Amino acid sequence: MLNVMVVDDEPWGRKSVSKMIDELGLDVEVVAEARNGAEALALIPIRKPHIIVTDMNMPVMNGREFLEQLYYRYNHIKVIVISGHSQFEYMKAAVAYQACEYVLKPVSLADLKGAMVKAMEASRSHLSFEQRQQLTNEMHRVRMETFLQNVTGRRIANAADIVARSAELLADPPIGRYRLAVCLLRRFRELAETKFHGNADLLMYSVENMMDEVTRDASLYVYKSDDRTRLCLLLPEPEAGGDAVRRLLLPFHEAVCRMLELQAIVGLSAPRERLDQLPEAFEEACSLLGRHTLQGTEFAVQTSQGPEGAPDSDTVSASGSASAEVLGGFDAKLLQQAIAAGQAPAARRLLDEFARKAEAARTLTIGGAQKELRKLADAAGSEWPSIAPDRPLLSDPRGIDSVTSLSALLDYVAQLSAAVETHIRAKAALSADHPMRDIAAYLDEHYFEDIGLIDIATRYHLDPSYLSRQFKAATGENFIEYVTRKRMEKACELLCGSERKINDISELVGYENQRYFSQVFKKFTGQTPSEYRESGASGGAPQDATSKN
């Protein structure tokens, strides 16, 4: 099977082409998508495409520049150009840099299939025997990794299927009794964002290469976790004791520490007998990762019996003693009240205190720190959806899980503090920008009272002239018109829906003088109150109270 990469700056364009390729039924698989030529070049060493399907009109690095780079750096990759432009310069570039085919949009399945078949034939004829062997090995590894990921994620759960496929994919070495080691790198997300331009896959590619070098001669299988932030090592017994795993992976820790300034920690599951128990082994190993202290710096392997090869300050005991509490119940309640009441200084003070306590808590574990951060999110309550969306670390459901060091925790709290302050300011500004909404709501409830423009201006601390202008702009009516309409609408409702005397209705809607009430009512509806009531009682349709204003 050949790997395909789709390159297009439009998300819908990438998805459409990828779906069409899947529908062709050819021996190809779309393994990557990129938004532009620069991103595609960064992904090529990771995803190893044999065929690239690319648009030409793209930002950052356009199609012509991309084709030139492919021609000189990855000449073995076959290219299909798909473009909505028949411009001579685009076609000239496609010919100059030996693209297999140039297909104009809108693309038909027949055109795409013809181009794909041509590219597949060119790719296979280009490969040497050694390259074909390497391709076979790489595809076997991809299938092995996908299989183990699917078993770990419970997407393959039938025991007979697991046995049959493991006999094909995990034959050398065969898997009998085993343990699973899960390796996590502190500050992985931070480094991906600061030095790899947010491309975590590119960072993981570098990490995988280091792991391959270290474990080249070992009898094991390595695969990535579903979230692509941890490496899992399937280790046949009996060479999988905690001390043996530490000796195996210490050079890896030293390599990533030296080259990437990261620190590795490991959780090692208890032995398992069958591969269908892999999900439980993974969960156990990840839980053991959480026992490492947040501020630890030494390499350690955490097992259910306790840590291997690290000072006590870097791990907790095998009994899993409780991690330090940072946010108590009372402080959580205070934070919740501060956010709900829009008290930015109080919220900031509580979050600063949280950060200081976390920094002082030397026994705080990774798992404990993540639990404490979830308390902060819970304290935000219903405000959280408005606080988090503009900050990826906060809005990402896995954001808290990526906090594995003190610096990451402090960064999370700092971002949360800034987001809470921004949220509170936005709410205050919204309230300040729309006081007319509050005033209208107040009048809706108090229309029958003896209230005037001066009364409302005093109540809301506004200049009467300013209030009059803003109220008219917000509602389309001046103050008197709005109150009168509310009174008349209620009067119409009472006249048709009750047998109250007209004098009583007049008082209920705010008029002590029935005669004046009748004059206003007739001006508003075109009928006297008695006429309005009679037209409603006789089955006729009373004139809409809002139709005459």
Protein backbone atom coordinates (compact mmCIF):
# COMPACT_ATOMS: atom_id res chain seq x y z
CA MET A 1 0.00 0.00 0.00
CA LEU A 2 1.31 3.44 -0.93
CA ASN A 3 1.06 6.49 1.32
CA VAL A 4 -0.60 9.68 0.04
CA MET A 5 -0.38 13.25 1.38
CA VAL A 6 -2.97 15.89 0.45
CA VAL A 7 -1.86 19.55 0.46
CA ASP A 8 -4.41 22.39 0.23
CA ASP A 9 -4.91 25.57 2.25
CA GLU A 10 -8.69 25.08 2.29
CA PRO A 11 -9.89 22.51 4.92
CA TRP A 12 -12.90 21.52 2.82
CA GLY A 13 -10.62 21.02 -0.20
CA ARG A 14 -8.33 18.67 1.73
CA LYS A 15 -11.22 16.68 3.15
CA SER A 16 -12.95 16.43 -0.22
CA VAL A 17 -9.87 15.14 -2.05
CA SER A 18 -9.03 12.73 0.79
CA LYS A 19 -12.55 11.32 0.71
CA MET A 20 -12.43 10.89 -3.08
CA ILE A 21 -9.11 9.03 -2.84
CA ASP A 22 -10.61 6.67 -0.25
CA GLU A 23 -13.57 6.03 -2.56
CA LEU A 24 -11.33 5.03 -5.49
CA GLY A 25 -10.63 1.61 -3.95
CA LEU A 26 -6.94 1.71 -4.91
CA ASP A 27 -4.02 0.32 -2.94
CA VAL A 28 -3.29 3.70 -1.33
CA GLU A 29 -3.94 5.38 2.00
CA VAL A 30 -4.11 9.08 2.87
CA VAL A 31 -1.69 9.31 5.79
CA ALA A 32 -1.33 13.10 6.13
CA GLU A 33 -2.85 16.45 5.24
CA ALA A 34 -1.03 19.80 5.14
CA ARG A 35 -2.16 23.42 4.78
CA ASN A 36 0.76 24.60 2.65
CA GLY A 37 4.08 23.55 1.15
CA ALA A 38 6.13 24.45 4.23
CA GLU A 39 3.97 22.32 6.52
CA ALA A 40 4.04 19.46 4.01
CA LEU A 41 7.86 19.51 3.87
CA ALA A 42 7.99 19.27 7.67
CA LEU A 43 5.61 16.29 7.65
CA ILE A 44 7.31 14.31 4.87
CA PRO A 45 10.01 12.72 7.10
CA ILE A 46 7.31 11.72 9.58
CA ARG A 47 4.51 10.42 7.37
CA LYS A 48 6.73 9.21 4.46
CA PRO A 49 4.32 9.74 1.53
CA HIS A 50 4.95 8.10 -1.86
CA ILE A 51 2.42 10.33 -3.64
CA ILE A 52 1.51 13.96 -2.96
CA VAL A 53 -1.70 15.53 -4.25
CA THR A 54 -1.31 19.30 -4.03
CA ASP A 55 -3.07 22.55 -4.82
CA MET A 56 -1.03 25.36 -6.39
CA ASN A 57 -2.50 28.59 -5.02
CA MET A 58 -1.46 28.48 -1.33
CA PRO A 59 -0.05 30.89 1.29
CA VAL A 60 3.36 30.63 3.05
CA MET A 61 4.87 28.46 0.29
CA ASN A 62 2.95 28.35 -2.99
CA GLY A 63 2.64 25.38 -5.31
CA ARG A 64 5.50 26.34 -7.62
CA GLU A 65 7.97 26.72 -4.74
CA PHE A 66 6.71 23.49 -3.20
CA LEU A 67 7.19 21.56 -6.45
CA GLU A 68 10.72 22.92 -6.74
CA GLN A 69 11.58 21.78 -3.21
CA LEU A 70 10.11 18.33 -3.85
CA TYR A 71 12.06 18.00 -7.10
CA TYR A 72 15.42 18.69 -5.47
CA ARG A 73 14.86 17.12 -2.04
CA TYR A 74 12.35 14.28 -2.55
CA ASN A 75 12.56 13.33 -6.19
CA HIS A 76 11.21 9.85 -5.48
CA ILE A 77 7.82 11.26 -4.41
CA LYS A 78 5.31 11.43 -7.25
CA VAL A 79 3.16 14.54 -7.48
CA ILE A 80 -0.36 15.17 -8.76
CA VAL A 81 -1.28 18.83 -9.14
CA ILE A 82 -4.93 19.75 -8.61
CA SER A 83 -5.79 23.36 -9.27
CA GLY A 84 -8.71 25.58 -10.12
CA HIS A 85 -6.41 27.58 -12.38
CA SER A 86 -5.28 26.73 -15.91
CA GLN A 87 -2.64 29.46 -15.78
CA PHE A 88 0.36 28.88 -17.98
CA GLU A 89 2.83 29.53 -15.12
CA TYR A 90 1.26 26.78 -12.99
CA MET A 91 1.29 24.27 -15.83
CA LYS A 92 4.84 25.26 -16.74
CA ALA A 93 5.98 24.60 -13.12
CA ALA A 94 4.21 21.22 -13.09
CA VAL A 95 6.03 20.20 -16.27
CA ALA A 96 9.39 21.63 -15.19
CA TYR A 97 9.37 19.77 -11.89
CA GLN A 98 8.01 16.53 -13.36
CA ALA A 99 4.58 16.33 -11.80
CA CYS A 100 2.81 13.15 -12.88
CA GLU A 101 -0.47 14.80 -13.77
CA TYR A 102 -2.25 18.20 -13.76
CA VAL A 103 -5.95 17.95 -12.94
CA LEU A 104 -8.29 20.95 -13.10
CA LYS A 105 -11.01 21.56 -10.52
CA PRO A 106 -13.76 20.54 -10.15
CA VAL A 107 -12.20 17.09 -10.02
CA SER A 108 -14.15 14.08 -11.20
CA LEU A 109 -13.56 10.62 -9.77
CA ALA A 110 -12.54 9.37 -13.21
CA ASP A 111 -9.90 12.10 -13.63
CA LEU A 112 -8.54 11.56 -10.13
CA LYS A 113 -8.41 7.79 -10.56
CA GLY A 114 -6.50 8.11 -13.81
CA ALA A 115 -3.98 10.44 -12.20
CA MET A 116 -3.61 8.22 -9.13
CA VAL A 117 -3.03 5.07 -11.18
CA LYS A 118 -0.36 6.86 -13.21
CA ALA A 119 1.35 8.11 -10.04
CA MET A 120 1.21 4.65 -8.43
CA GLU A 121 2.83 3.02 -11.46
CA ALA A 122 5.55 5.68 -11.53
CA SER A 123 6.20 5.30 -7.81
CA ARG A 124 6.53 1.51 -7.95
CA SER A 125 8.81 1.55 -10.98
CA HIS A 126 11.02 4.12 -9.24
CA LEU A 127 11.66 1.99 -6.17
CA SER A 128 14.81 -0.15 -6.02
CA PHE A 129 14.77 -3.59 -4.41
CA GLU A 130 16.23 -2.13 -1.21
CA GLN A 131 13.67 0.64 -1.17
CA ARG A 132 10.88 -1.86 -1.69
CA GLN A 133 12.20 -3.93 1.20
CA GLN A 134 12.40 -0.82 3.35
CA LEU A 135 8.87 0.11 2.32
CA THR A 136 7.65 -3.37 3.27
CA ASN A 137 9.32 -3.08 6.68
CA GLU A 138 7.90 0.38 7.26
CA MET A 139 4.41 -0.71 6.31
CA HIS A 140 4.71 -3.70 8.65
CA ARG A 141 5.66 -1.36 11.47
CA VAL A 142 2.73 0.95 10.68
CA ARG A 143 0.35 -2.01 10.72
CA MET A 144 1.87 -3.25 13.99
CA GLU A 145 1.55 0.16 15.62
CA THR A 146 -2.03 0.62 14.40
CA PHE A 147 -2.94 -2.83 15.71
CA LEU A 148 -1.48 -2.18 19.17
CA GLN A 149 -3.12 1.26 19.32
CA ASN A 150 -6.47 -0.30 18.44
CA VAL A 151 -6.11 -3.00 21.08
CA THR A 152 -5.02 -0.45 23.70
CA GLY A 153 -7.95 1.80 22.80
CA ARG A 154 -10.39 -1.15 22.91
CA ARG A 155 -11.27 -0.69 19.23
CA ILE A 156 -10.22 -4.33 18.74
CA ALA A 157 -11.56 -6.31 21.69
CA ASN A 158 -12.35 -9.80 20.38
CA ALA A 159 -9.80 -12.18 21.93
CA ALA A 160 -9.72 -14.52 18.90
CA ASP A 161 -9.08 -11.59 16.51
CA ILE A 162 -6.31 -10.30 18.75
CA VAL A 163 -4.61 -13.72 18.87
CA ALA A 164 -4.83 -14.17 15.09
CA ARG A 165 -3.47 -10.73 14.24
CA SER A 166 -0.74 -10.83 16.87
CA ALA A 167 0.50 -14.08 15.35
CA GLU A 168 0.96 -12.20 12.07
CA LEU A 169 2.24 -8.85 13.36
CA LEU A 170 4.02 -9.71 16.63
CA ALA A 171 5.87 -12.88 15.63
CA ASP A 172 9.42 -11.67 16.27
CA PRO A 173 9.69 -11.65 19.20
CA PRO A 174 6.50 -13.61 20.03
CA ILE A 175 4.38 -12.16 22.79
CA GLY A 176 3.54 -14.34 25.78
CA ARG A 177 3.69 -12.96 29.29
CA TYR A 178 4.54 -9.24 29.08
CA ARG A 179 4.63 -5.87 30.83
CA LEU A 180 3.81 -2.48 29.34
CA ALA A 181 6.02 0.54 29.97
CA VAL A 182 4.58 3.97 29.16
CA CYS A 183 7.18 6.69 28.74
CA LEU A 184 6.22 10.34 29.16
CA LEU A 185 8.36 13.42 28.57
CA ARG A 186 7.98 16.33 30.95
CA ARG A 187 7.34 19.65 29.16
CA PHE A 188 6.49 17.87 25.87
CA ARG A 189 3.67 20.27 25.00
CA GLU A 190 5.69 23.35 25.97
CA LEU A 191 8.59 22.33 23.73
CA ALA A 192 6.28 21.48 20.81
CA GLU A 193 4.77 24.96 20.99
CA THR A 194 7.96 26.97 21.52
CA LYS A 195 10.54 25.16 19.36
CA PHE A 196 8.49 23.08 16.91
CA HIS A 197 5.92 25.75 15.97
CA GLY A 198 3.11 23.80 17.62
CA ASN A 199 3.84 20.66 15.56
CA ALA A 200 3.80 17.93 18.20
CA ASP A 201 4.09 15.23 15.50
CA LEU A 202 7.43 16.64 14.41
CA LEU A 203 8.72 16.59 17.99
CA MET A 204 7.45 13.04 18.48
CA TYR A 205 9.23 12.00 15.27
CA SER A 206 12.52 13.18 16.78
CA VAL A 207 11.76 11.40 20.04
CA GLU A 208 10.87 8.16 18.24
CA ASN A 209 14.16 8.20 16.36
CA MET A 210 16.04 8.47 19.65
CA MET A 211 14.02 5.61 21.13
CA ASP A 212 14.70 3.47 18.04
CA GLU A 213 18.43 4.06 18.41
CA VAL A 214 18.41 3.10 22.08
CA THR A 215 16.20 0.00 21.75
CA ARG A 216 17.46 -1.22 18.37
CA ASP A 217 18.81 -4.51 19.78
CA ALA A 218 16.13 -5.06 22.42
CA SER A 219 13.28 -7.57 22.12
CA LEU A 220 10.25 -5.30 22.33
CA TYR A 221 7.60 -3.40 20.38
CA VAL A 222 7.31 0.40 20.50
CA TYR A 223 4.18 2.35 19.57
CA LYS A 224 2.66 5.75 20.28
CA SER A 225 -0.36 6.37 22.48
CA ASP A 226 -3.53 7.54 20.77
CA ASP A 227 -2.87 11.16 21.73
CA ARG A 228 0.65 10.89 20.24
CA THR A 229 2.32 12.31 23.35
CA ARG A 230 3.60 9.10 25.00
CA LEU A 231 5.61 6.10 23.87
CA CYS A 232 4.45 2.63 24.86
CA LEU A 233 6.91 -0.28 25.08
CA LEU A 234 5.53 -3.82 24.97
CA LEU A 235 8.17 -5.87 26.81
CA PRO A 236 8.17 -9.69 26.86
CA GLU A 237 8.93 -11.21 30.24
CA PRO A 238 11.26 -12.04 31.95
CA GLU A 239 13.39 -9.11 30.74
CA ALA A 240 10.95 -6.50 31.95
CA GLY A 241 11.67 -5.94 35.61
CA GLY A 242 11.81 -2.37 36.88
CA ASP A 243 15.60 -2.34 37.13
CA ALA A 244 16.00 -3.85 33.66
CA VAL A 245 13.66 -1.25 32.15
CA ARG A 246 15.58 1.51 33.91
CA ARG A 247 18.88 0.27 32.44
CA LEU A 248 17.27 0.01 29.00
CA LEU A 249 15.74 3.51 28.99
CA LEU A 250 18.29 5.54 30.96
CA PRO A 251 20.30 6.22 27.74
CA PHE A 252 17.06 7.43 26.12
CA HIS A 253 16.44 9.82 29.02
CA GLU A 254 20.00 11.11 28.76
CA ALA A 255 19.64 11.62 25.00
CA VAL A 256 16.37 13.61 25.17
CA CYS A 257 17.72 15.58 28.12
CA ARG A 258 20.88 16.50 26.24
CA MET A 259 19.36 17.20 22.82
CA LEU A 260 15.87 18.46 23.65
CA GLU A 261 16.14 19.49 27.32
CA LEU A 262 13.31 17.11 28.24
CA GLN A 263 13.14 14.59 31.08
CA ALA A 264 11.67 11.11 30.70
CA ILE A 265 9.62 9.29 33.32
CA VAL A 266 8.15 5.80 33.04
CA GLY A 267 5.19 3.90 34.45
CA LEU A 268 5.57 0.09 34.30
CA SER A 269 2.56 -2.18 34.58
CA ALA A 270 2.41 -5.46 36.43
CA PRO A 271 2.83 -8.58 34.23
CA ARG A 272 -0.08 -9.60 32.01
CA GLU A 273 -0.74 -13.01 30.45
CA ARG A 274 -2.86 -12.10 27.41
CA LEU A 275 -2.79 -9.31 24.86
CA ASP A 276 -6.49 -8.55 25.34
CA GLN A 277 -5.44 -7.27 28.79
CA LEU A 278 -3.39 -4.50 27.14
CA PRO A 279 -5.97 -1.74 27.87
CA GLU A 280 -5.78 -2.46 31.60
CA ALA A 281 -1.96 -2.57 31.46
CA PHE A 282 -1.95 0.82 29.72
CA GLU A 283 -4.30 2.37 32.29
CA GLU A 284 -2.17 1.01 35.14
CA ALA A 285 1.06 2.32 33.63
CA CYS A 286 -0.46 5.77 33.04
CA SER A 287 -1.77 5.83 36.61
CA LEU A 288 1.75 5.02 37.85
CA LEU A 289 3.10 7.95 35.81
CA GLY A 290 0.92 10.17 37.97
CA ARG A 291 2.85 9.09 41.09
CA HIS A 292 5.99 10.90 39.96
CA THR A 293 6.39 14.21 41.76
CA LEU A 294 5.64 17.32 39.74
CA GLN A 295 9.01 18.92 40.53
CA GLY A 296 11.14 15.81 40.02
CA THR A 297 14.11 16.00 37.65
CA GLU A 298 15.69 12.54 37.83
CA PHE A 299 14.86 9.58 35.61
CA ALA A 300 12.73 6.98 37.36
CA VAL A 301 10.59 3.96 36.58
CA GLN A 302 7.46 3.78 38.75
CA THR A 303 6.05 0.31 39.39
CA SER A 304 3.24 -0.92 41.60
CA GLN A 305 5.93 -1.98 44.11
CA GLY A 306 7.50 1.49 44.15
CA PRO A 307 10.06 3.55 42.22
CA GLU A 308 13.19 2.17 40.60
CA GLY A 309 16.33 4.27 40.55
CA ALA A 310 15.18 7.71 41.69
CA PRO A 311 15.52 9.67 44.94
CA ASP A 312 12.45 9.64 47.18
CA SER A 313 11.83 13.29 46.36
CA ASP A 314 11.05 12.40 42.74
CA THR A 315 8.37 9.78 43.39
CA VAL A 316 5.84 8.70 45.97
CA SER A 317 5.84 5.37 47.67
CA ALA A 318 4.23 2.26 46.30
CA SER A 319 1.37 2.70 48.73
CA GLY A 320 0.39 5.78 46.73
CA SER A 321 0.21 8.13 49.72
CA ALA A 322 -2.02 11.13 49.18
CA SER A 323 -0.55 13.99 47.19
CA ALA A 324 -0.50 17.47 48.73
CA GLU A 325 -3.77 19.42 48.50
CA VAL A 326 -3.41 22.90 47.02
CA LEU A 327 -6.98 24.18 46.61
CA GLY A 328 -9.10 23.60 49.69
CA GLY A 329 -12.87 23.52 49.62
CA PHE A 330 -13.22 27.00 51.16
CA ASP A 331 -10.80 28.59 48.67
CA ALA A 332 -12.60 26.84 45.79
CA LYS A 333 -15.87 28.37 46.98
CA LEU A 334 -14.26 31.82 47.25
CA LEU A 335 -12.89 31.50 43.70
CA GLN A 336 -16.28 30.46 42.39
CA GLN A 337 -17.93 33.46 44.06
CA ALA A 338 -15.25 35.87 42.80
CA ILE A 339 -15.67 34.75 39.19
CA ALA A 340 -19.47 34.79 39.36
CA ALA A 341 -19.50 38.25 40.98
CA GLY A 342 -16.99 39.68 38.51
CA GLN A 343 -14.36 40.40 41.19
CA ALA A 344 -11.18 40.21 39.10
CA PRO A 345 -8.70 41.25 41.86
CA ALA A 346 -10.08 38.60 44.24
CA ALA A 347 -9.94 35.89 41.57
CA ARG A 348 -6.38 36.88 40.62
CA ARG A 349 -5.29 36.85 44.28
CA LEU A 350 -6.73 33.35 44.82
CA LEU A 351 -5.06 31.99 41.66
CA ASP A 352 -1.72 33.58 42.64
CA GLU A 353 -2.02 31.93 46.04
CA PHE A 354 -2.77 28.60 44.33
CA ALA A 355 0.44 28.92 42.28
CA ARG A 356 2.50 29.75 45.39
CA LYS A 357 1.11 26.76 47.30
CA ALA A 358 1.79 24.43 44.37
CA GLU A 359 5.36 25.65 44.10
CA ALA A 360 5.89 25.09 47.83
CA ALA A 361 4.34 21.60 47.79
CA ARG A 362 7.41 19.46 47.14
CA THR A 363 5.40 16.21 47.45
CA LEU A 364 2.76 17.26 44.93
CA THR A 365 2.55 14.52 42.29
CA ILE A 366 1.72 14.86 38.61
CA GLY A 367 -1.61 13.15 39.17
CA GLY A 368 -2.29 15.30 42.22
CA ALA A 369 -1.46 18.50 40.32
CA GLN A 370 -3.81 17.57 37.50
CA LYS A 371 -6.55 16.86 40.05
CA GLU A 372 -6.00 20.29 41.64
CA LEU A 373 -6.17 22.02 38.24
CA ARG A 374 -9.49 20.30 37.54
CA LYS A 375 -10.77 21.84 40.79
CA LEU A 376 -9.96 25.27 39.34
CA ALA A 377 -11.95 24.48 36.20
CA ASP A 378 -14.83 23.20 38.33
CA ALA A 379 -14.77 26.40 40.41
CA ALA A 380 -15.44 28.41 37.23
CA GLY A 381 -18.69 26.48 36.87
CA SER A 382 -21.04 27.74 34.17
CA GLU A 383 -18.60 30.56 33.34
CA TRP A 384 -15.98 28.09 32.01
CA PRO A 385 -17.24 27.94 28.38
CA SER A 386 -16.85 31.73 28.15
CA ILE A 387 -13.45 31.76 29.87
CA ALA A 388 -11.65 29.00 27.98
CA PRO A 389 -12.36 29.20 24.21
CA ASP A 390 -9.66 31.67 23.13
CA ARG A 391 -6.82 29.81 24.87
CA PRO A 392 -5.93 26.39 23.40
CA LEU A 393 -4.35 25.14 26.63
CA LEU A 394 -7.58 25.81 28.54
CA SER A 395 -10.06 24.76 25.87
CA ASP A 396 -8.26 21.52 24.94
CA PRO A 397 -9.83 18.65 26.96
CA ARG A 398 -6.30 17.17 27.20
CA GLY A 399 -4.74 20.46 28.32
CA ILE A 400 -4.63 19.49 32.00
CA ASP A 401 -3.25 16.04 31.14
CA SER A 402 -0.28 17.76 29.47
CA VAL A 403 0.74 19.38 32.78
CA THR A 404 3.65 17.22 33.92
CA SER A 405 6.05 19.81 35.36
CA LEU A 406 5.94 22.78 37.70
CA SER A 407 6.58 25.21 34.84
CA ALA A 408 3.61 23.76 32.94
CA LEU A 409 1.37 24.13 36.00
CA LEU A 410 2.44 27.73 36.55
CA ASP A 411 1.83 28.48 32.87
CA TYR A 412 -1.64 26.92 33.06
CA VAL A 413 -2.55 28.99 36.15
CA ALA A 414 -1.16 32.18 34.56
CA GLN A 415 -3.22 31.60 31.41
CA LEU A 416 -6.30 30.85 33.49
CA SER A 417 -5.80 34.01 35.57
CA ALA A 418 -5.46 36.15 32.41
CA ALA A 419 -8.49 34.46 30.82
CA VAL A 420 -10.63 35.02 33.94
CA GLU A 421 -9.64 38.70 34.05
CA THR A 422 -10.43 39.13 30.33
CA HIS A 423 -13.77 37.37 30.83
CA ILE A 424 -14.73 39.59 33.77
CA ARG A 425 -13.74 42.76 31.89
CA ALA A 426 -15.78 41.66 28.87
CA LYS A 427 -18.83 41.01 31.05
CA ALA A 428 -18.47 44.39 32.71
CA ALA A 429 -18.07 46.13 29.35
CA LEU A 430 -21.12 44.35 27.98
CA SER A 431 -23.15 45.44 30.97
CA ALA A 432 -21.87 49.02 30.65
CA ASP A 433 -22.57 49.11 26.92
CA HIS A 434 -26.15 47.93 27.32
CA PRO A 435 -27.71 49.54 30.45
CA MET A 436 -30.78 50.28 28.32
CA ARG A 437 -31.50 46.56 28.29
CA ASP A 438 -31.65 46.58 32.11
CA ILE A 439 -33.78 49.74 32.13
CA ALA A 440 -36.26 48.27 29.63
CA ALA A 441 -36.50 45.11 31.75
CA TYR A 442 -37.18 47.24 34.83
CA LEU A 443 -39.95 49.15 33.04
CA ASP A 444 -41.51 45.88 31.88
CA GLU A 445 -41.95 44.96 35.55
CA HIS A 446 -42.89 48.41 36.91
CA TYR A 447 -44.87 50.07 34.07
CA PHE A 448 -47.93 50.59 36.32
CA GLU A 449 -46.00 52.70 38.85
CA ASP A 450 -45.76 56.48 38.83
CA ILE A 451 -42.25 56.64 37.34
CA GLY A 452 -40.75 59.15 34.96
CA LEU A 453 -37.54 59.72 33.07
CA ILE A 454 -35.95 61.62 35.99
CA ASP A 455 -36.73 58.76 38.38
CA ILE A 456 -35.04 56.19 36.13
CA ALA A 457 -32.06 58.46 35.42
CA THR A 458 -31.53 58.86 39.17
CA ARG A 459 -31.89 55.14 39.80
CA TYR A 460 -29.27 54.22 37.16
CA HIS A 461 -26.95 57.21 37.79
CA LEU A 462 -27.40 58.63 34.29
CA ASP A 463 -27.92 62.11 32.89
CA PRO A 464 -31.61 62.42 31.85
CA SER A 465 -30.79 63.82 28.41
CA TYR A 466 -28.25 61.06 27.76
CA LEU A 467 -30.74 58.45 28.99
CA SER A 468 -33.46 59.80 26.69
CA ARG A 469 -31.22 59.63 23.61
CA GLN A 470 -29.78 56.21 24.38
CA PHE A 471 -33.17 54.73 25.27
CA LYS A 472 -34.66 55.87 21.97
CA ALA A 473 -31.66 54.48 20.08
CA ALA A 474 -31.88 51.11 21.84
CA THR A 475 -35.68 50.56 21.75
CA GLY A 476 -36.89 52.71 18.84
CA GLU A 477 -39.31 54.52 21.20
CA ASN A 478 -38.91 57.42 23.54
CA PHE A 479 -39.41 56.86 27.26
CA ILE A 480 -43.09 57.96 27.41
CA GLU A 481 -44.01 55.96 24.29
CA TYR A 482 -42.44 52.79 25.72
CA VAL A 483 -44.23 53.04 29.10
CA THR A 484 -47.54 53.95 27.45
CA ARG A 485 -47.33 51.00 25.08
CA LYS A 486 -46.68 48.62 27.97
CA ARG A 487 -49.68 50.02 29.85
CA MET A 488 -51.97 49.82 26.84
CA GLU A 489 -50.95 46.26 26.01
CA LYS A 490 -51.80 45.20 29.57
CA ALA A 491 -55.09 47.13 29.43
CA CYS A 492 -56.08 45.31 26.22
CA GLU A 493 -55.27 42.01 27.86
CA LEU A 494 -57.43 42.81 30.91
CA LEU A 495 -60.34 44.15 28.86
CA CYS A 496 -60.62 40.97 26.81
CA GLY A 497 -59.54 38.47 29.44
CA SER A 498 -61.40 39.62 32.54
CA GLU A 499 -64.69 41.15 33.70
CA ARG A 500 -63.02 43.88 35.75
CA LYS A 501 -64.54 47.36 35.63
CA ILE A 502 -62.85 49.83 33.31
CA ASN A 503 -62.12 52.10 36.27
CA ASP A 504 -60.28 49.23 38.03
CA ILE A 505 -58.30 48.42 34.88
CA SER A 506 -57.35 52.07 34.57
CA GLU A 507 -55.83 52.02 38.05
CA LEU A 508 -54.16 48.62 37.53
CA VAL A 509 -52.18 49.90 34.55
CA GLY A 510 -51.16 53.17 36.21
CA TYR A 511 -53.91 55.75 35.53
CA GLU A 512 -55.83 57.24 38.46
CA ASN A 513 -58.08 59.25 36.12
CA GLN A 514 -60.35 56.98 34.07
CA ARG A 515 -61.23 59.73 31.60
CA TYR A 516 -57.58 60.38 30.79
CA PHE A 517 -57.01 56.62 30.53
CA SER A 518 -59.85 56.36 27.97
CA GLN A 519 -58.39 59.20 25.90
CA VAL A 520 -54.94 57.58 25.81
CA PHE A 521 -56.46 54.17 25.06
CA LYS A 522 -58.49 55.48 22.11
CA LYS A 523 -55.48 57.28 20.70
CA PHE A 524 -53.48 54.06 21.00
CA THR A 525 -56.06 51.56 19.65
CA GLY A 526 -58.60 53.70 17.75
CA GLN A 527 -61.37 52.52 20.10
CA THR A 528 -62.65 53.42 23.53
CA PRO A 529 -62.11 50.77 26.24
CA SER A 530 -65.84 49.86 26.09
CA GLU A 531 -65.76 49.52 22.27
CA TYR A 532 -62.63 47.41 22.49
CA ARG A 533 -64.20 45.08 25.06
CA GLU A 534 -67.44 44.77 23.05
CA SER A 535 -65.64 44.00 19.80
CA GLY A 536 -63.75 41.25 21.59
CA ALA A 537 -66.86 39.82 23.33
CA SER A 538 -68.90 39.75 20.11
CA GLY A 539 -66.32 37.51 18.44
CA GLY A 540 -64.78 40.23 16.30
CA ALA A 541 -61.07 40.68 16.27
CA PRO A 542 -60.06 43.68 18.39
CA GLN A 543 -57.58 45.94 16.67
CA ASP A 544 -54.01 44.93 17.48
CA ALA A 545 -52.84 47.05 20.38
CA THR A 546 -49.47 47.61 18.74
CA SER A 547 -50.82 48.57 15.33
CA LYS A 548 -51.48 52.19 16.27
CA ASN A 549 -48.64 53.98 17.90
